[in-house]
Amino acid sequence: MVIPPPVRPPRITQFLKPYVLKMNFTNKYVSAQVIHSPTATVASSASSQEKALRSSLETSRDVAAAAKIGKILAERLLLKNIPAVSVHLKREQKYHGKVKAVIDSLREAGVKLL
């Protein structure tokens, strides 16, 4: 059974950024996804766990892998006509290392950050 997302009043949804980038880093993998806030669905995602990407990555957890994930995610976003996203960082995430690699590769590929 699928539970639909809660219906938000229009006065709240007009202030929400429609597409939000969320990143997750573990000791083995890097993953990033863009979520459409009003409908609470995943618009696009990329991960170093995908079979198609495993052969092209030397390791699945370093800064180079994070940059590659950001580039692939940007290509998928542009194919779906999503030109801009906003970034949501967790409290412990700083704009440094893997986080910086993902965000910079998104920018270089043509996705605007709000």
N, C-alpha and C. Protein backbone atom coordinates (compact mmCIF):
# COMPACT_ATOMS: atom_id res chain seq x y z
N MET A 1 0.84 -1.18 0.00
CA MET A 1 0.00 0.00 0.00
C MET A 1 0.89 1.24 0.00
N VAL A 2 0.61 2.14 -0.90
CA VAL A 2 1.39 3.36 -1.02
C VAL A 2 0.65 4.49 -0.31
N ILE A 3 1.35 5.13 0.59
CA ILE A 3 0.76 6.25 1.32
C ILE A 3 1.13 7.53 0.58
N PRO A 4 0.14 8.32 0.15
CA PRO A 4 0.47 9.56 -0.57
C PRO A 4 1.10 10.58 0.37
N PRO A 5 1.93 11.47 -0.18
CA PRO A 5 2.55 12.49 0.68
C PRO A 5 1.48 13.45 1.21
N PRO A 6 1.75 14.08 2.33
CA PRO A 6 0.76 15.00 2.89
C PRO A 6 0.54 16.20 1.97
N VAL A 7 -0.69 16.66 1.92
CA VAL A 7 -1.02 17.81 1.10
C VAL A 7 -0.69 19.07 1.88
N ARG A 8 0.20 19.88 1.31
CA ARG A 8 0.61 21.10 1.98
C ARG A 8 -0.21 22.26 1.46
N PRO A 9 -0.53 23.22 2.31
CA PRO A 9 -1.26 24.38 1.83
C PRO A 9 -0.42 25.15 0.81
N PRO A 10 -1.07 25.81 -0.16
CA PRO A 10 -0.30 26.49 -1.21
C PRO A 10 0.60 27.60 -0.70
N ARG A 11 0.27 28.19 0.43
CA ARG A 11 1.11 29.27 0.93
C ARG A 11 2.47 28.76 1.38
N ILE A 12 2.56 27.47 1.77
CA ILE A 12 3.84 26.90 2.17
C ILE A 12 4.63 26.44 0.95
N THR A 13 3.97 25.82 0.00
CA THR A 13 4.69 25.26 -1.15
C THR A 13 5.28 26.34 -2.05
N GLN A 14 4.76 27.55 -2.02
CA GLN A 14 5.34 28.58 -2.87
C GLN A 14 6.70 29.03 -2.37
N PHE A 15 7.03 28.79 -1.09
CA PHE A 15 8.32 29.17 -0.55
C PHE A 15 9.33 28.03 -0.58
N LEU A 16 8.88 26.81 -0.84
CA LEU A 16 9.80 25.68 -0.90
C LEU A 16 10.57 25.69 -2.21
N LYS A 17 11.80 25.27 -2.16
CA LYS A 17 12.57 25.09 -3.38
C LYS A 17 12.08 23.77 -3.98
N PRO A 18 11.73 23.74 -5.25
CA PRO A 18 11.09 22.54 -5.78
C PRO A 18 12.01 21.32 -5.86
N TYR A 19 13.29 21.50 -6.21
CA TYR A 19 14.19 20.37 -6.33
C TYR A 19 15.35 20.53 -5.35
N VAL A 20 15.56 19.53 -4.52
CA VAL A 20 16.57 19.60 -3.47
C VAL A 20 17.58 18.46 -3.68
N LEU A 21 18.86 18.80 -3.65
CA LEU A 21 19.93 17.81 -3.76
C LEU A 21 20.31 17.32 -2.37
N LYS A 22 20.29 16.00 -2.20
CA LYS A 22 20.72 15.40 -0.94
C LYS A 22 21.80 14.38 -1.25
N MET A 23 22.85 14.39 -0.42
CA MET A 23 23.99 13.51 -0.65
C MET A 23 24.18 12.59 0.55
N ASN A 24 24.66 11.39 0.27
CA ASN A 24 24.92 10.42 1.32
C ASN A 24 26.28 9.78 1.05
N PHE A 25 27.13 9.79 2.06
CA PHE A 25 28.47 9.22 1.93
C PHE A 25 28.65 8.16 3.01
N THR A 26 29.03 6.96 2.59
CA THR A 26 29.36 5.90 3.54
C THR A 26 30.84 5.58 3.38
N ASN A 27 31.32 4.62 4.14
CA ASN A 27 32.72 4.22 4.02
C ASN A 27 33.01 3.48 2.72
N LYS A 28 31.95 3.00 2.04
CA LYS A 28 32.15 2.26 0.80
C LYS A 28 31.62 2.96 -0.43
N TYR A 29 30.56 3.77 -0.30
CA TYR A 29 29.88 4.29 -1.48
C TYR A 29 29.56 5.78 -1.36
N VAL A 30 29.28 6.38 -2.51
CA VAL A 30 28.85 7.77 -2.62
C VAL A 30 27.52 7.75 -3.37
N SER A 31 26.52 8.45 -2.85
CA SER A 31 25.26 8.54 -3.57
C SER A 31 24.68 9.94 -3.42
N ALA A 32 23.96 10.35 -4.46
CA ALA A 32 23.31 11.66 -4.46
C ALA A 32 21.97 11.52 -5.14
N GLN A 33 20.98 12.25 -4.65
CA GLN A 33 19.66 12.22 -5.27
C GLN A 33 19.03 13.59 -5.21
N VAL A 34 18.19 13.86 -6.20
CA VAL A 34 17.45 15.11 -6.25
C VAL A 34 15.99 14.78 -6.00
N ILE A 35 15.41 15.45 -5.01
CA ILE A 35 14.04 15.17 -4.58
C ILE A 35 13.15 16.33 -4.96
N HIS A 36 11.98 16.02 -5.51
CA HIS A 36 10.97 17.03 -5.82
C HIS A 36 10.15 17.25 -4.55
N SER A 37 10.33 18.39 -3.92
CA SER A 37 9.75 18.65 -2.60
C SER A 37 8.22 18.60 -2.54
N PRO A 38 7.50 19.26 -3.45
CA PRO A 38 6.04 19.25 -3.32
C PRO A 38 5.41 17.87 -3.39
N THR A 39 5.98 16.96 -4.17
CA THR A 39 5.39 15.62 -4.28
C THR A 39 6.16 14.58 -3.48
N ALA A 40 7.31 14.95 -2.91
CA ALA A 40 8.14 14.05 -2.12
C ALA A 40 8.55 12.81 -2.90
N THR A 41 8.95 13.00 -4.16
CA THR A 41 9.41 11.90 -4.99
C THR A 41 10.84 12.17 -5.44
N VAL A 42 11.54 11.11 -5.78
CA VAL A 42 12.92 11.24 -6.26
C VAL A 42 12.89 11.56 -7.75
N ALA A 43 13.42 12.71 -8.12
CA ALA A 43 13.43 13.12 -9.52
C ALA A 43 14.56 12.42 -10.27
N SER A 44 15.73 12.31 -9.65
CA SER A 44 16.86 11.66 -10.28
C SER A 44 17.87 11.28 -9.20
N SER A 45 18.67 10.25 -9.49
CA SER A 45 19.67 9.84 -8.51
C SER A 45 20.85 9.20 -9.23
N ALA A 46 21.98 9.17 -8.52
CA ALA A 46 23.19 8.52 -9.02
C ALA A 46 23.94 7.97 -7.82
N SER A 47 24.55 6.81 -7.99
CA SER A 47 25.26 6.18 -6.89
C SER A 47 26.43 5.38 -7.43
N SER A 48 27.45 5.24 -6.61
CA SER A 48 28.60 4.44 -7.03
C SER A 48 28.32 2.94 -6.87
N GLN A 49 27.11 2.59 -6.42
CA GLN A 49 26.72 1.18 -6.31
C GLN A 49 26.14 0.64 -7.61
N GLU A 50 25.82 1.50 -8.57
CA GLU A 50 25.21 1.06 -9.82
C GLU A 50 26.16 0.19 -10.61
N LYS A 51 25.63 -0.88 -11.20
CA LYS A 51 26.47 -1.82 -11.93
C LYS A 51 27.18 -1.17 -13.11
N ALA A 52 26.49 -0.27 -13.81
CA ALA A 52 27.08 0.36 -14.98
C ALA A 52 28.26 1.26 -14.62
N LEU A 53 28.27 1.79 -13.40
CA LEU A 53 29.33 2.70 -13.00
C LEU A 53 30.50 2.01 -12.31
N ARG A 54 30.31 0.82 -11.79
CA ARG A 54 31.37 0.15 -11.04
C ARG A 54 32.62 -0.07 -11.87
N SER A 55 32.44 -0.40 -13.15
CA SER A 55 33.62 -0.69 -13.98
C SER A 55 34.40 0.58 -14.32
N SER A 56 33.73 1.73 -14.37
CA SER A 56 34.42 2.96 -14.75
C SER A 56 35.09 3.66 -13.57
N LEU A 57 34.76 3.26 -12.34
CA LEU A 57 35.36 3.88 -11.15
C LEU A 57 36.50 3.02 -10.62
N GLU A 58 37.60 3.65 -10.25
CA GLU A 58 38.70 2.90 -9.64
C GLU A 58 38.30 2.47 -8.23
N THR A 59 37.89 3.45 -7.42
CA THR A 59 37.33 3.14 -6.11
C THR A 59 35.98 3.82 -6.02
N SER A 60 35.12 3.31 -5.18
CA SER A 60 33.75 3.82 -5.12
C SER A 60 33.52 4.77 -3.96
N ARG A 61 34.59 5.27 -3.34
CA ARG A 61 34.37 6.08 -2.15
C ARG A 61 35.22 7.34 -2.04
N ASP A 62 36.07 7.63 -3.00
CA ASP A 62 36.95 8.78 -2.86
C ASP A 62 36.39 10.03 -3.54
N VAL A 63 37.17 11.09 -3.56
CA VAL A 63 36.73 12.37 -4.11
C VAL A 63 36.51 12.27 -5.62
N ALA A 64 37.32 11.49 -6.30
CA ALA A 64 37.15 11.33 -7.75
C ALA A 64 35.83 10.64 -8.07
N ALA A 65 35.46 9.66 -7.26
CA ALA A 65 34.17 8.99 -7.44
C ALA A 65 33.02 9.96 -7.18
N ALA A 66 33.16 10.83 -6.19
CA ALA A 66 32.13 11.81 -5.88
C ALA A 66 31.97 12.79 -7.05
N ALA A 67 33.07 13.19 -7.67
CA ALA A 67 33.00 14.09 -8.81
C ALA A 67 32.31 13.41 -9.99
N LYS A 68 32.60 12.14 -10.20
CA LYS A 68 31.97 11.39 -11.30
C LYS A 68 30.47 11.25 -11.06
N ILE A 69 30.07 11.00 -9.82
CA ILE A 69 28.65 10.88 -9.47
C ILE A 69 27.93 12.21 -9.72
N GLY A 70 28.57 13.31 -9.36
CA GLY A 70 27.99 14.63 -9.61
C GLY A 70 27.80 14.90 -11.10
N LYS A 71 28.76 14.50 -11.90
CA LYS A 71 28.68 14.71 -13.35
C LYS A 71 27.55 13.88 -13.95
N ILE A 72 27.44 12.64 -13.53
CA ILE A 72 26.39 11.75 -14.05
C ILE A 72 25.01 12.25 -13.62
N LEU A 73 24.91 12.69 -12.37
CA LEU A 73 23.64 13.22 -11.88
C LEU A 73 23.24 14.47 -12.66
N ALA A 74 24.20 15.32 -12.98
CA ALA A 74 23.91 16.54 -13.75
C ALA A 74 23.39 16.18 -15.14
N GLU A 75 24.00 15.20 -15.78
CA GLU A 75 23.53 14.78 -17.10
C GLU A 75 22.10 14.26 -17.03
N ARG A 76 21.79 13.48 -16.00
CA ARG A 76 20.44 12.94 -15.86
C ARG A 76 19.43 14.05 -15.57
N LEU A 77 19.83 15.06 -14.80
CA LEU A 77 18.94 16.18 -14.51
C LEU A 77 18.65 16.98 -15.77
N LEU A 78 19.67 17.24 -16.56
CA LEU A 78 19.48 18.02 -17.78
C LEU A 78 18.63 17.26 -18.81
N LEU A 79 18.71 15.93 -18.82
CA LEU A 79 17.84 15.14 -19.69
C LEU A 79 16.38 15.26 -19.28
N LYS A 80 16.13 15.43 -17.99
CA LYS A 80 14.76 15.58 -17.49
C LYS A 80 14.30 17.03 -17.43
N ASN A 81 15.07 17.93 -18.02
CA ASN A 81 14.75 19.37 -18.05
C ASN A 81 14.63 19.97 -16.66
N ILE A 82 15.56 19.64 -15.78
CA ILE A 82 15.65 20.25 -14.46
C ILE A 82 16.91 21.10 -14.47
N PRO A 83 16.79 22.42 -14.66
CA PRO A 83 17.99 23.25 -14.82
C PRO A 83 18.62 23.71 -13.52
N ALA A 84 17.88 23.67 -12.40
CA ALA A 84 18.41 24.22 -11.15
C ALA A 84 17.94 23.38 -9.96
N VAL A 85 18.82 23.27 -8.97
CA VAL A 85 18.49 22.56 -7.73
C VAL A 85 19.00 23.38 -6.55
N SER A 86 18.42 23.14 -5.40
CA SER A 86 18.97 23.73 -4.18
C SER A 86 19.67 22.63 -3.41
N VAL A 87 20.65 22.99 -2.62
CA VAL A 87 21.47 22.02 -1.91
C VAL A 87 21.05 21.95 -0.45
N HIS A 88 20.85 20.72 0.03
CA HIS A 88 20.54 20.52 1.44
C HIS A 88 21.70 19.76 2.07
N LEU A 89 22.43 20.42 2.97
CA LEU A 89 23.54 19.77 3.65
C LEU A 89 23.13 19.43 5.07
N LYS A 90 23.54 18.27 5.50
CA LYS A 90 23.30 17.89 6.89
C LYS A 90 24.21 18.72 7.79
N ARG A 91 23.96 18.68 9.06
CA ARG A 91 24.71 19.52 9.99
C ARG A 91 26.20 19.20 9.96
N GLU A 92 26.54 17.93 9.83
CA GLU A 92 27.96 17.56 9.87
C GLU A 92 28.66 17.71 8.52
N GLN A 93 27.90 17.97 7.44
CA GLN A 93 28.50 18.12 6.13
C GLN A 93 28.98 19.55 5.91
N LYS A 94 30.22 19.69 5.55
CA LYS A 94 30.78 20.99 5.24
C LYS A 94 31.15 21.01 3.76
N TYR A 95 31.26 22.20 3.18
CA TYR A 95 31.59 22.34 1.78
C TYR A 95 33.09 22.07 1.61
N HIS A 96 33.42 20.78 1.62
CA HIS A 96 34.81 20.38 1.60
C HIS A 96 34.88 18.92 1.17
N GLY A 97 35.90 18.55 0.44
CA GLY A 97 36.12 17.15 0.08
C GLY A 97 35.09 16.61 -0.90
N LYS A 98 34.42 15.52 -0.52
CA LYS A 98 33.46 14.86 -1.40
C LYS A 98 32.25 15.74 -1.69
N VAL A 99 31.79 16.48 -0.68
CA VAL A 99 30.65 17.37 -0.87
C VAL A 99 30.99 18.42 -1.92
N LYS A 100 32.17 19.00 -1.81
CA LYS A 100 32.61 20.01 -2.77
C LYS A 100 32.75 19.41 -4.15
N ALA A 101 33.24 18.19 -4.25
CA ALA A 101 33.42 17.54 -5.55
C ALA A 101 32.08 17.34 -6.25
N VAL A 102 31.06 16.89 -5.52
CA VAL A 102 29.74 16.67 -6.12
C VAL A 102 29.15 17.99 -6.58
N ILE A 103 29.19 19.00 -5.72
CA ILE A 103 28.57 20.29 -6.04
C ILE A 103 29.29 20.97 -7.20
N ASP A 104 30.62 20.94 -7.20
CA ASP A 104 31.37 21.59 -8.27
C ASP A 104 31.16 20.89 -9.62
N SER A 105 31.08 19.56 -9.62
CA SER A 105 30.85 18.87 -10.89
C SER A 105 29.44 19.11 -11.40
N LEU A 106 28.47 19.31 -10.50
CA LEU A 106 27.13 19.69 -10.94
C LEU A 106 27.17 21.06 -11.62
N ARG A 107 27.88 21.99 -11.00
CA ARG A 107 27.99 23.34 -11.55
C ARG A 107 28.67 23.34 -12.92
N GLU A 108 29.76 22.58 -13.03
CA GLU A 108 30.50 22.54 -14.28
C GLU A 108 29.69 21.92 -15.42
N ALA A 109 28.81 21.00 -15.09
CA ALA A 109 28.00 20.34 -16.12
C ALA A 109 26.81 21.18 -16.57
N GLY A 110 26.55 22.29 -15.87
CA GLY A 110 25.50 23.20 -16.33
C GLY A 110 24.27 23.29 -15.47
N VAL A 111 24.26 22.65 -14.31
CA VAL A 111 23.11 22.75 -13.41
C VAL A 111 23.35 23.94 -12.49
N LYS A 112 22.35 24.79 -12.35
CA LYS A 112 22.49 25.96 -11.47
C LYS A 112 22.09 25.57 -10.07
N LEU A 113 22.75 26.19 -9.09
CA LEU A 113 22.44 25.94 -7.69
C LEU A 113 21.74 27.16 -7.11
N LEU A 114 20.66 26.92 -6.41
CA LEU A 114 19.90 28.01 -5.81
C LEU A 114 20.32 28.24 -4.38
